[in-house]
PDB file of all heavy atoms in Angstrom:
ATOM      1  N   VAL A   1     119.805  53.109 124.850  1.00  0.00           N
ATOM      2  CA  VAL A   1     118.944  52.582 123.871  1.00  0.00           C
ATOM      3  C   VAL A   1     118.007  51.513 124.333  1.00  0.00           C
ATOM      4  O   VAL A   1     117.097  51.059 123.582  1.00  0.00           O
ATOM      5  CB  VAL A   1     119.634  52.081 122.601  1.00  0.00           C
ATOM      6  CG1 VAL A   1     120.609  53.175 122.048  1.00  0.00           C
ATOM      7  CG2 VAL A   1     120.443  50.861 122.817  1.00  0.00           C
ATOM      8  N   LYS A   2     118.154  51.075 125.601  1.00  0.00           N
ATOM      9  CA  LYS A   2     117.274  50.039 126.153  1.00  0.00           C
ATOM     10  C   LYS A   2     115.838  50.375 126.108  1.00  0.00           C
ATOM     11  O   LYS A   2     115.497  51.533 126.420  1.00  0.00           O
ATOM     12  CB  LYS A   2     117.694  49.685 127.614  1.00  0.00           C
ATOM     13  CG  LYS A   2     119.023  48.945 127.740  1.00  0.00           C
ATOM     14  CD  LYS A   2     119.330  48.659 129.170  1.00  0.00           C
ATOM     15  CE  LYS A   2     120.648  47.792 129.299  1.00  0.00           C
ATOM     16  NZ  LYS A   2     120.995  47.610 130.776  1.00  0.00           N
ATOM     17  N   GLY A   3     115.068  49.452 125.656  1.00  0.00           N
ATOM     18  CA  GLY A   3     113.668  49.706 125.538  1.00  0.00           C
ATOM     19  C   GLY A   3     113.277  50.326 124.193  1.00  0.00           C
ATOM     20  O   GLY A   3     112.020  50.383 123.942  1.00  0.00           O
ATOM     21  N   ARG A   4     114.183  50.845 123.455  1.00  0.00           N
ATOM     22  CA  ARG A   4     113.879  51.467 122.139  1.00  0.00           C
ATOM     23  C   ARG A   4     114.445  50.639 121.011  1.00  0.00           C
ATOM     24  O   ARG A   4     113.833  50.624 119.946  1.00  0.00           O
ATOM     25  CB  ARG A   4     114.364  52.864 122.135  1.00  0.00           C
ATOM     26  CG  ARG A   4     113.798  53.733 123.187  1.00  0.00           C
ATOM     27  CD  ARG A   4     114.217  55.238 123.041  1.00  0.00           C
ATOM     28  NE  ARG A   4     115.722  55.442 123.145  1.00  0.00           N
ATOM     29  CZ  ARG A   4     116.431  55.800 122.165  1.00  0.00           C
ATOM     30  NH1 ARG A   4     115.918  56.182 120.953  1.00  0.00           N
ATOM     31  NH2 ARG A   4     117.730  55.954 122.389  1.00  0.00           N
ATOM     32  N   PHE A   5     115.605  50.016 121.141  1.00  0.00           N
ATOM     33  CA  PHE A   5     116.290  49.222 120.137  1.00  0.00           C
ATOM     34  C   PHE A   5     116.227  47.779 120.298  1.00  0.00           C
ATOM     35  O   PHE A   5     116.199  47.351 121.511  1.00  0.00           O
ATOM     36  CB  PHE A   5     117.726  49.651 119.940  1.00  0.00           C
ATOM     37  CG  PHE A   5     118.003  51.060 119.458  1.00  0.00           C
ATOM     38  CD1 PHE A   5     117.027  52.029 119.351  1.00  0.00           C
ATOM     39  CD2 PHE A   5     119.289  51.471 119.171  1.00  0.00           C
ATOM     40  CE1 PHE A   5     117.249  53.335 118.930  1.00  0.00           C
ATOM     41  CE2 PHE A   5     119.597  52.743 118.718  1.00  0.00           C
ATOM     42  CZ  PHE A   5     118.566  53.675 118.573  1.00  0.00           C
ATOM     43  N   THR A   6     116.090  47.072 119.243  1.00  0.00           N
ATOM     44  CA  THR A   6     116.139  45.613 119.367  1.00  0.00           C
ATOM     45  C   THR A   6     117.099  45.007 118.287  1.00  0.00           C
ATOM     46  O   THR A   6     116.995  45.376 117.101  1.00  0.00           O
ATOM     47  CB  THR A   6     114.674  45.034 119.144  1.00  0.00           C
ATOM     48  OG1 THR A   6     113.795  45.553 120.078  1.00  0.00           O
ATOM     49  CG2 THR A   6     114.710  43.432 119.236  1.00  0.00           C
ATOM     50  N   ILE A   7     117.986  44.150 118.724  1.00  0.00           N
ATOM     51  CA  ILE A   7     118.896  43.536 117.821  1.00  0.00           C
ATOM     52  C   ILE A   7     118.321  42.093 117.530  1.00  0.00           C
ATOM     53  O   ILE A   7     117.848  41.441 118.432  1.00  0.00           O
ATOM     54  CB  ILE A   7     120.303  43.494 118.408  1.00  0.00           C
ATOM     55  CG1 ILE A   7     121.313  43.010 117.328  1.00  0.00           C
ATOM     56  CG2 ILE A   7     120.396  42.736 119.640  1.00  0.00           C
ATOM     57  CD1 ILE A   7     122.800  43.211 117.762  1.00  0.00           C
ATOM     58  N   SER A   8     118.565  41.630 116.399  1.00  0.00           N
ATOM     59  CA  SER A   8     118.092  40.284 116.003  1.00  0.00           C
ATOM     60  C   SER A   8     119.055  39.811 114.832  1.00  0.00           C
ATOM     61  O   SER A   8     119.819  40.631 114.259  1.00  0.00           O
ATOM     62  CB  SER A   8     116.584  40.232 115.484  1.00  0.00           C
ATOM     63  OG  SER A   8     116.408  41.161 114.403  1.00  0.00           O
ATOM     64  N   ARG A   9     118.931  38.475 114.460  1.00  0.00           N
ATOM     65  CA  ARG A   9     119.770  37.902 113.471  1.00  0.00           C
ATOM     66  C   ARG A   9     119.059  36.773 112.848  1.00  0.00           C
ATOM     67  O   ARG A   9     118.015  36.302 113.314  1.00  0.00           O
ATOM     68  CB  ARG A   9     121.019  37.422 114.061  1.00  0.00           C
ATOM     69  CG  ARG A   9     120.851  36.240 115.109  1.00  0.00           C
ATOM     70  CD  ARG A   9     122.071  35.790 115.753  1.00  0.00           C
ATOM     71  NE  ARG A   9     121.772  34.622 116.718  1.00  0.00           N
ATOM     72  CZ  ARG A   9     122.699  34.155 117.621  1.00  0.00           C
ATOM     73  NH1 ARG A   9     123.908  34.729 117.655  1.00  0.00           N
ATOM     74  NH2 ARG A   9     122.280  33.097 118.347  1.00  0.00           N
ATOM     75  N   ASN A  10     119.509  36.368 111.648  1.00  0.00           N
ATOM     76  CA  ASN A  10     118.907  35.158 111.089  1.00  0.00           C
ATOM     77  C   ASN A  10     119.450  33.902 111.603  1.00  0.00           C
ATOM     78  O   ASN A  10     120.421  33.887 112.357  1.00  0.00           O
ATOM     79  CB  ASN A  10     119.114  35.259 109.446  1.00  0.00           C
ATOM     80  CG  ASN A  10     120.511  35.145 109.080  1.00  0.00           C
ATOM     81  OD1 ASN A  10     121.423  35.259 109.894  1.00  0.00           O
ATOM     82  ND2 ASN A  10     120.833  34.944 107.779  1.00  0.00           N
ATOM     83  N   ASN A  11     118.878  32.738 111.236  1.00  0.00           N
ATOM     84  CA  ASN A  11     119.165  31.503 111.845  1.00  0.00           C
ATOM     85  C   ASN A  11     120.643  31.064 111.404  1.00  0.00           C
ATOM     86  O   ASN A  11     121.365  30.440 112.253  1.00  0.00           O
ATOM     87  CB  ASN A  11     118.300  30.442 111.413  1.00  0.00           C
ATOM     88  CG  ASN A  11     116.906  30.535 112.062  1.00  0.00           C
ATOM     89  OD1 ASN A  11     116.756  31.109 113.025  1.00  0.00           O
ATOM     90  ND2 ASN A  11     115.845  29.970 111.382  1.00  0.00           N
ATOM     91  N   ALA A  12     121.068  31.503 110.272  1.00  0.00           N
ATOM     92  CA  ALA A  12     122.443  31.082 109.855  1.00  0.00           C
ATOM     93  C   ALA A  12     123.476  31.990 110.380  1.00  0.00           C
ATOM     94  O   ALA A  12     124.693  31.735 110.244  1.00  0.00           O
ATOM     95  CB  ALA A  12     122.457  31.252 108.272  1.00  0.00           C
ATOM     96  N   LYS A  13     123.128  33.096 111.137  1.00  0.00           N
ATOM     97  CA  LYS A  13     124.000  33.985 111.797  1.00  0.00           C
ATOM     98  C   LYS A  13     124.849  34.697 110.813  1.00  0.00           C
ATOM     99  O   LYS A  13     126.076  34.931 111.003  1.00  0.00           O
ATOM    100  CB  LYS A  13     124.849  33.235 112.821  1.00  0.00           C
ATOM    101  CG  LYS A  13     124.054  32.576 114.013  1.00  0.00           C
ATOM    102  CD  LYS A  13     124.918  31.866 114.997  1.00  0.00           C
ATOM    103  CE  LYS A  13     124.113  31.213 116.046  1.00  0.00           C
ATOM    104  NZ  LYS A  13     124.937  30.408 117.023  1.00  0.00           N
ATOM    105  N   THR A  14     124.272  35.047 109.696  1.00  0.00           N
ATOM    106  CA  THR A  14     124.885  35.790 108.623  1.00  0.00           C
ATOM    107  C   THR A  14     124.420  37.213 108.466  1.00  0.00           C
ATOM    108  O   THR A  14     125.085  37.943 107.706  1.00  0.00           O
ATOM    109  CB  THR A  14     124.898  35.047 107.264  1.00  0.00           C
ATOM    110  OG1 THR A  14     123.622  34.776 106.956  1.00  0.00           O
ATOM    111  CG2 THR A  14     125.756  33.725 107.441  1.00  0.00           C
ATOM    112  N   SER A  15     123.290  37.435 109.124  1.00  0.00           N
ATOM    113  CA  SER A  15     122.680  38.704 108.988  1.00  0.00           C
ATOM    114  C   SER A  15     122.347  39.215 110.381  1.00  0.00           C
ATOM    115  O   SER A  15     121.857  38.429 111.198  1.00  0.00           O
ATOM    116  CB  SER A  15     121.431  38.782 108.118  1.00  0.00           C
ATOM    117  OG  SER A  15     121.806  38.505 106.729  1.00  0.00           O
ATOM    118  N   VAL A  16     122.512  40.465 110.643  1.00  0.00           N
ATOM    119  CA  VAL A  16     122.075  41.124 111.892  1.00  0.00           C
ATOM    120  C   VAL A  16     121.258  42.360 111.651  1.00  0.00           C
ATOM    121  O   VAL A  16     121.525  43.113 110.703  1.00  0.00           O
ATOM    122  CB  VAL A  16     123.282  41.307 112.833  1.00  0.00           C
ATOM    123  CG1 VAL A  16     124.231  42.325 112.169  1.00  0.00           C
ATOM    124  CG2 VAL A  16     122.879  41.822 114.183  1.00  0.00           C
ATOM    125  N   TYR A  17     120.289  42.626 112.468  1.00  0.00           N
ATOM    126  CA  TYR A  17     119.428  43.751 112.229  1.00  0.00           C
ATOM    127  C   TYR A  17     119.306  44.553 113.532  1.00  0.00           C
ATOM    128  O   TYR A  17     119.483  44.056 114.581  1.00  0.00           O
ATOM    129  CB  TYR A  17     117.959  43.225 111.897  1.00  0.00           C
ATOM    130  CG  TYR A  17     118.011  42.153 110.793  1.00  0.00           C
ATOM    131  CD1 TYR A  17     117.981  40.827 111.068  1.00  0.00           C
ATOM    132  CD2 TYR A  17     118.060  42.566 109.480  1.00  0.00           C
ATOM    133  CE1 TYR A  17     118.035  39.874 110.081  1.00  0.00           C
ATOM    134  CE2 TYR A  17     118.080  41.641 108.442  1.00  0.00           C
ATOM    135  CZ  TYR A  17     117.977  40.278 108.735  1.00  0.00           C
ATOM    136  OH  TYR A  17     118.080  39.287 107.788  1.00  0.00           O
ATOM    137  N   LEU A  18     118.992  45.849 113.304  1.00  0.00           N
ATOM    138  CA  LEU A  18     118.837  46.632 114.501  1.00  0.00           C
ATOM    139  C   LEU A  18     117.503  47.479 114.209  1.00  0.00           C
ATOM    140  O   LEU A  18     117.434  48.360 113.291  1.00  0.00           O
ATOM    141  CB  LEU A  18     119.926  47.653 114.673  1.00  0.00           C
ATOM    142  CG  LEU A  18     119.896  48.496 115.960  1.00  0.00           C
ATOM    143  CD1 LEU A  18     119.931  47.601 117.206  1.00  0.00           C
ATOM    144  CD2 LEU A  18     120.987  49.501 116.000  1.00  0.00           C
ATOM    145  N   GLN A  19     116.489  47.046 114.934  1.00  0.00           N
ATOM    146  CA  GLN A  19     115.197  47.935 114.843  1.00  0.00           C
ATOM    147  C   GLN A  19     115.290  49.052 115.818  1.00  0.00           C
ATOM    148  O   GLN A  19     115.457  48.766 117.142  1.00  0.00           O
ATOM    149  CB  GLN A  19     113.993  46.966 115.189  1.00  0.00           C
ATOM    150  CG  GLN A  19     112.636  47.641 115.221  1.00  0.00           C
ATOM    151  CD  GLN A  19     112.301  48.076 113.842  1.00  0.00           C
ATOM    152  OE1 GLN A  19     112.375  47.416 112.839  1.00  0.00           O
ATOM    153  NE2 GLN A  19     111.769  49.345 113.741  1.00  0.00           N
ATOM    154  N   MET A  20     115.137  50.189 115.362  1.00  0.00           N
ATOM    155  CA  MET A  20     115.307  51.408 116.224  1.00  0.00           C
ATOM    156  C   MET A  20     113.944  52.152 116.234  1.00  0.00           C
ATOM    157  O   MET A  20     113.489  52.582 115.198  1.00  0.00           O
ATOM    158  CB  MET A  20     116.386  52.330 115.654  1.00  0.00           C
ATOM    159  CG  MET A  20     117.715  51.635 115.521  1.00  0.00           C
ATOM    160  SD  MET A  20     119.040  52.710 114.947  1.00  0.00           S
ATOM    161  CE  MET A  20     118.461  53.179 113.334  1.00  0.00           C
ATOM    162  N   ASN A  21     113.339  52.144 117.394  1.00  0.00           N
ATOM    163  CA  ASN A  21     112.038  52.816 117.580  1.00  0.00           C
ATOM    164  C   ASN A  21     112.215  54.120 118.480  1.00  0.00           C
ATOM    165  O   ASN A  21     113.132  54.184 119.310  1.00  0.00           O
ATOM    166  CB  ASN A  21     111.018  51.950 118.208  1.00  0.00           C
ATOM    167  CG  ASN A  21     110.771  50.709 117.377  1.00  0.00           C
ATOM    168  OD1 ASN A  21     110.722  50.832 116.059  1.00  0.00           O
ATOM    169  ND2 ASN A  21     110.494  49.658 117.947  1.00  0.00           N
ATOM    170  N   ASN A  22     111.237  55.006 118.397  1.00  0.00           N
ATOM    171  CA  ASN A  22     111.258  56.233 119.164  1.00  0.00           C
ATOM    172  C   ASN A  22     112.642  56.932 119.133  1.00  0.00           C
ATOM    173  O   ASN A  22     113.242  57.235 120.173  1.00  0.00           O
ATOM    174  CB  ASN A  22     110.886  55.839 120.733  1.00  0.00           C
ATOM    175  CG  ASN A  22     110.564  57.106 121.495  1.00  0.00           C
ATOM    176  OD1 ASN A  22     110.296  58.149 120.956  1.00  0.00           O
ATOM    177  ND2 ASN A  22     110.728  57.035 122.821  1.00  0.00           N
ATOM    178  N   LEU A  23     113.043  57.134 117.925  1.00  0.00           N
ATOM    179  CA  LEU A  23     114.414  57.673 117.813  1.00  0.00           C
ATOM    180  C   LEU A  23     114.504  59.147 118.303  1.00  0.00           C
ATOM    181  O   LEU A  23     113.504  59.887 118.251  1.00  0.00           O
ATOM    182  CB  LEU A  23     114.769  57.770 116.280  1.00  0.00           C
ATOM    183  CG  LEU A  23     115.176  56.322 115.763  1.00  0.00           C
ATOM    184  CD1 LEU A  23     115.022  56.228 114.249  1.00  0.00           C
ATOM    185  CD2 LEU A  23     116.636  56.007 116.222  1.00  0.00           C
ATOM    186  N   LYS A  24     115.601  59.495 118.838  1.00  0.00           N
ATOM    187  CA  LYS A  24     115.894  60.795 119.407  1.00  0.00           C
ATOM    188  C   LYS A  24     117.057  61.498 118.692  1.00  0.00           C
ATOM    189  O   LYS A  24     117.856  60.730 118.013  1.00  0.00           O
ATOM    190  CB  LYS A  24     116.257  60.639 120.925  1.00  0.00           C
ATOM    191  CG  LYS A  24     115.283  59.952 121.699  1.00  0.00           C
ATOM    192  CD  LYS A  24     115.685  59.708 123.164  1.00  0.00           C
ATOM    193  CE  LYS A  24     114.731  59.034 124.026  1.00  0.00           C
ATOM    194  NZ  LYS A  24     115.179  58.824 125.443  1.00  0.00           N
ATOM    195  N   PRO A  25     117.040  62.796 118.622  1.00  0.00           N
ATOM    196  CA  PRO A  25     118.147  63.478 117.921  1.00  0.00           C
ATOM    197  C   PRO A  25     119.523  62.950 118.462  1.00  0.00           C
ATOM    198  O   PRO A  25     120.460  62.936 117.662  1.00  0.00           O
ATOM    199  CB  PRO A  25     117.976  64.909 118.404  1.00  0.00           C
ATOM    200  CG  PRO A  25     116.478  64.992 118.607  1.00  0.00           C
ATOM    201  CD  PRO A  25     116.102  63.750 119.256  1.00  0.00           C
ATOM    202  N   GLU A  26     119.745  62.532 119.702  1.00  0.00           N
ATOM    203  CA  GLU A  26     121.070  62.123 120.174  1.00  0.00           C
ATOM    204  C   GLU A  26     121.423  60.765 119.562  1.00  0.00           C
ATOM    205  O   GLU A  26     122.478  60.261 119.863  1.00  0.00           O
ATOM    206  CB  GLU A  26     121.086  62.100 121.675  1.00  0.00           C
ATOM    207  CG  GLU A  26     119.887  61.369 122.288  1.00  0.00           C
ATOM    208  CD  GLU A  26     118.790  62.268 122.753  1.00  0.00           C
ATOM    209  OE1 GLU A  26     118.494  63.209 121.988  1.00  0.00           O
ATOM    210  OE2 GLU A  26     118.281  62.031 123.926  1.00  0.00           O
ATOM    211  N   ASP A  27     120.486  60.018 118.867  1.00  0.00           N
ATOM    212  CA  ASP A  27     120.779  58.831 118.176  1.00  0.00           C
ATOM    213  C   ASP A  27     121.483  59.059 116.846  1.00  0.00           C
ATOM    214  O   ASP A  27     121.968  58.111 116.217  1.00  0.00           O
ATOM    215  CB  ASP A  27     119.542  58.055 117.938  1.00  0.00           C
ATOM    216  CG  ASP A  27     118.899  57.556 119.150  1.00  0.00           C
ATOM    217  OD1 ASP A  27     119.498  57.127 120.129  1.00  0.00           O
ATOM    218  OD2 ASP A  27     117.597  57.568 119.295  1.00  0.00           O
ATOM    219  N   THR A  28     121.534  60.256 116.415  1.00  0.00           N
ATOM    220  CA  THR A  28     122.266  60.688 115.178  1.00  0.00           C
ATOM    221  C   THR A  28     123.707  60.183 115.251  1.00  0.00           C
ATOM    222  O   THR A  28     124.446  60.586 116.160  1.00  0.00           O
ATOM    223  CB  THR A  28     122.152  62.050 114.928  1.00  0.00           C
ATOM    224  OG1 THR A  28     120.779  62.588 114.656  1.00  0.00           O
ATOM    225  CG2 THR A  28     123.078  62.513 113.742  1.00  0.00           C
ATOM    226  N   ALA A  29     124.066  59.299 114.352  1.00  0.00           N
ATOM    227  CA  ALA A  29     125.466  58.793 114.275  1.00  0.00           C
ATOM    228  C   ALA A  29     125.590  57.932 113.011  1.00  0.00           C
ATOM    229  O   ALA A  29     124.633  57.700 112.311  1.00  0.00           O
ATOM    230  CB  ALA A  29     125.596  57.855 115.541  1.00  0.00           C
ATOM    231  N   VAL A  30     126.861  57.595 112.872  1.00  0.00           N
ATOM    232  CA  VAL A  30     127.130  56.515 111.881  1.00  0.00           C
ATOM    233  C   VAL A  30     127.083  55.212 112.621  1.00  0.00           C
ATOM    234  O   VAL A  30     127.775  55.091 113.621  1.00  0.00           O
ATOM    235  CB  VAL A  30     128.441  56.731 111.208  1.00  0.00           C
ATOM    236  CG1 VAL A  30     128.837  55.563 110.195  1.00  0.00           C
ATOM    237  CG2 VAL A  30     128.514  58.099 110.476  1.00  0.00           C
ATOM    238  N   TYR A  31     126.295  54.264 112.078  1.00  0.00           N
ATOM    239  CA  TYR A  31     126.144  52.996 112.740  1.00  0.00           C
ATOM    240  C   TYR A  31     126.947  51.925 111.936  1.00  0.00           C
ATOM    241  O   TYR A  31     126.875  51.835 110.706  1.00  0.00           O
ATOM    242  CB  TYR A  31     124.671  52.660 112.729  1.00  0.00           C
ATOM    243  CG  TYR A  31     123.924  53.340 113.849  1.00  0.00           C
ATOM    244  CD1 TYR A  31     123.608  54.723 113.607  1.00  0.00           C
ATOM    245  CD2 TYR A  31     123.457  52.692 115.065  1.00  0.00           C
ATOM    246  CE1 TYR A  31     122.837  55.455 114.555  1.00  0.00           C
ATOM    247  CE2 TYR A  31     122.739  53.333 115.995  1.00  0.00           C
ATOM    248  CZ  TYR A  31     122.503  54.679 115.731  1.00  0.00           C
ATOM    249  OH  TYR A  31     121.857  55.509 116.761  1.00  0.00           O
ATOM    250  N   TYR A  32     127.650  51.072 112.643  1.00  0.00           N
ATOM    251  CA  TYR A  32     128.523  50.079 112.107  1.00  0.00           C
ATOM    252  C   TYR A  32     128.138  48.673 112.674  1.00  0.00           C
ATOM    253  O   TYR A  32     127.937  48.567 113.868  1.00  0.00           O
ATOM    254  CB  TYR A  32     129.959  50.301 112.480  1.00  0.00           C
ATOM    255  CG  TYR A  32     130.571  51.577 112.001  1.00  0.00           C
ATOM    256  CD1 TYR A  32     130.520  52.857 112.758  1.00  0.00           C
ATOM    257  CD2 TYR A  32     131.285  51.761 110.820  1.00  0.00           C
ATOM    258  CE1 TYR A  32     131.005  53.999 112.443  1.00  0.00           C
ATOM    259  CE2 TYR A  32     131.770  52.888 110.359  1.00  0.00           C
ATOM    260  CZ  TYR A  32     131.716  54.056 111.221  1.00  0.00           C
ATOM    261  OH  TYR A  32     132.209  55.233 110.757  1.00  0.00           O
ATOM    262  N   CYS A  33     128.037  47.762 111.846  1.00  0.00           N
ATOM    263  CA  CYS A  33     127.851  46.307 112.341  1.00  0.00           C
ATOM    264  C   CYS A  33     129.203  45.789 112.455  1.00  0.00           C
ATOM    265  O   CYS A  33     130.229  46.053 111.816  1.00  0.00           O
ATOM    266  CB  CYS A  33     126.949  45.513 111.416  1.00  0.00           C
ATOM    267  SG  CYS A  33     127.641  45.046 109.818  1.00  0.00           S
ATOM    268  N   LYS A  34     129.279  44.809 113.414  1.00  0.00           N
ATOM    269  CA  LYS A  34     130.580  44.141 113.809  1.00  0.00           C
ATOM    270  C   LYS A  34     130.268  42.673 113.908  1.00  0.00           C
ATOM    271  O   LYS A  34     129.315  42.241 114.520  1.00  0.00           O
ATOM    272  CB  LYS A  34     131.027  44.708 115.178  1.00  0.00           C
ATOM    273  CG  LYS A  34     132.272  44.034 115.682  1.00  0.00           C
ATOM    274  CD  LYS A  34     132.631  44.541 117.034  1.00  0.00           C
ATOM    275  CE  LYS A  34     133.685  43.864 117.784  1.00  0.00           C
ATOM    276  NZ  LYS A  34     133.912  44.336 119.132  1.00  0.00           N
ATOM    277  N   LEU A  35     131.269  41.826 113.401  1.00  0.00           N
ATOM    278  CA  LEU A  35     131.176  40.437 113.375  1.00  0.00           C
ATOM    279  C   LEU A  35     132.469  39.986 114.022  1.00  0.00           C
ATOM    280  O   LEU A  35     133.528  40.323 113.590  1.00  0.00           O
ATOM    281  CB  LEU A  35     131.048  39.922 111.986  1.00  0.00           C
ATOM    282  CG  LEU A  35     131.213  38.351 111.873  1.00  0.00           C
ATOM    283  CD1 LEU A  35     130.001  37.547 112.571  1.00  0.00           C
ATOM    284  CD2 LEU A  35     131.254  37.980 110.420  1.00  0.00           C
ATOM    285  N   PHE A  36     132.321  39.107 115.072  1.00  0.00           N
ATOM    286  CA  PHE A  36     133.539  38.518 115.612  1.00  0.00           C
ATOM    287  C   PHE A  36     133.311  36.930 115.499  1.00  0.00           C
ATOM    288  O   PHE A  36     132.408  36.379 115.942  1.00  0.00           O
ATOM    289  CB  PHE A  36     133.615  38.877 117.094  1.00  0.00           C
ATOM    290  CG  PHE A  36     134.734  38.215 117.772  1.00  0.00           C
ATOM    291  CD1 PHE A  36     136.015  38.722 117.654  1.00  0.00           C
ATOM    292  CD2 PHE A  36     134.557  37.073 118.598  1.00  0.00           C
ATOM    293  CE1 PHE A  36     137.109  38.057 118.247  1.00  0.00           C
ATOM    294  CE2 PHE A  36     135.656  36.428 119.247  1.00  0.00           C
ATOM    295  CZ  PHE A  36     136.905  36.965 119.126  1.00  0.00           C
ATOM    296  N   GLU A  37     134.244  36.336 114.768  1.00  0.00           N
ATOM    297  CA  GLU A  37     134.305  34.987 114.609  1.00  0.00           C
ATOM    298  C   GLU A  37     135.758  34.442 114.398  1.00  0.00           C
ATOM    299  O   GLU A  37     136.529  35.225 113.783  1.00  0.00           O
ATOM    300  CB  GLU A  37     133.418  34.541 113.407  1.00  0.00           C
ATOM    301  CG  GLU A  37     133.871  34.915 112.017  1.00  0.00           C
ATOM    302  CD  GLU A  37     133.206  34.250 110.929  1.00  0.00           C
ATOM    303  OE1 GLU A  37     132.211  33.548 111.158  1.00  0.00           O
ATOM    304  OE2 GLU A  37     133.631  34.344 109.774  1.00  0.00           O
ATOM    305  N   HIS A  38     135.995  33.302 114.772  1.00  0.00           N
ATOM    306  CA  HIS A  38     137.341  32.634 114.672  1.00  0.00           C
ATOM    307  C   HIS A  38     138.427  33.555 115.147  1.00  0.00           C
ATOM    308  O   HIS A  38     139.524  33.626 114.579  1.00  0.00           O
ATOM    309  CB  HIS A  38     137.591  32.267 113.164  1.00  0.00           C
ATOM    310  CG  HIS A  38     136.620  31.225 112.679  1.00  0.00           C
ATOM    311  ND1 HIS A  38     136.138  31.196 111.387  1.00  0.00           N
ATOM    312  CD2 HIS A  38     135.990  30.164 113.342  1.00  0.00           C
ATOM    313  CE1 HIS A  38     135.360  30.183 111.247  1.00  0.00           C
ATOM    314  NE2 HIS A  38     135.174  29.543 112.414  1.00  0.00           N
ATOM    315  N   GLY A  39     138.151  34.275 116.208  1.00  0.00           N
ATOM    316  CA  GLY A  39     139.139  35.219 116.787  1.00  0.00           C
ATOM    317  C   GLY A  39     139.443  36.476 116.070  1.00  0.00           C
ATOM    318  O   GLY A  39     140.387  37.169 116.336  1.00  0.00           O
TER     319      GLY A  39
END
């Protein structure tokens, strides 16, 4: 996905975004966000 996707977040680090450009059929999937904090 390099060059096509961009991950970003808000300043409070409570929201995360994934901008997906030039999508391909092989990108078809269930997408999950993951948060790691306090172990």
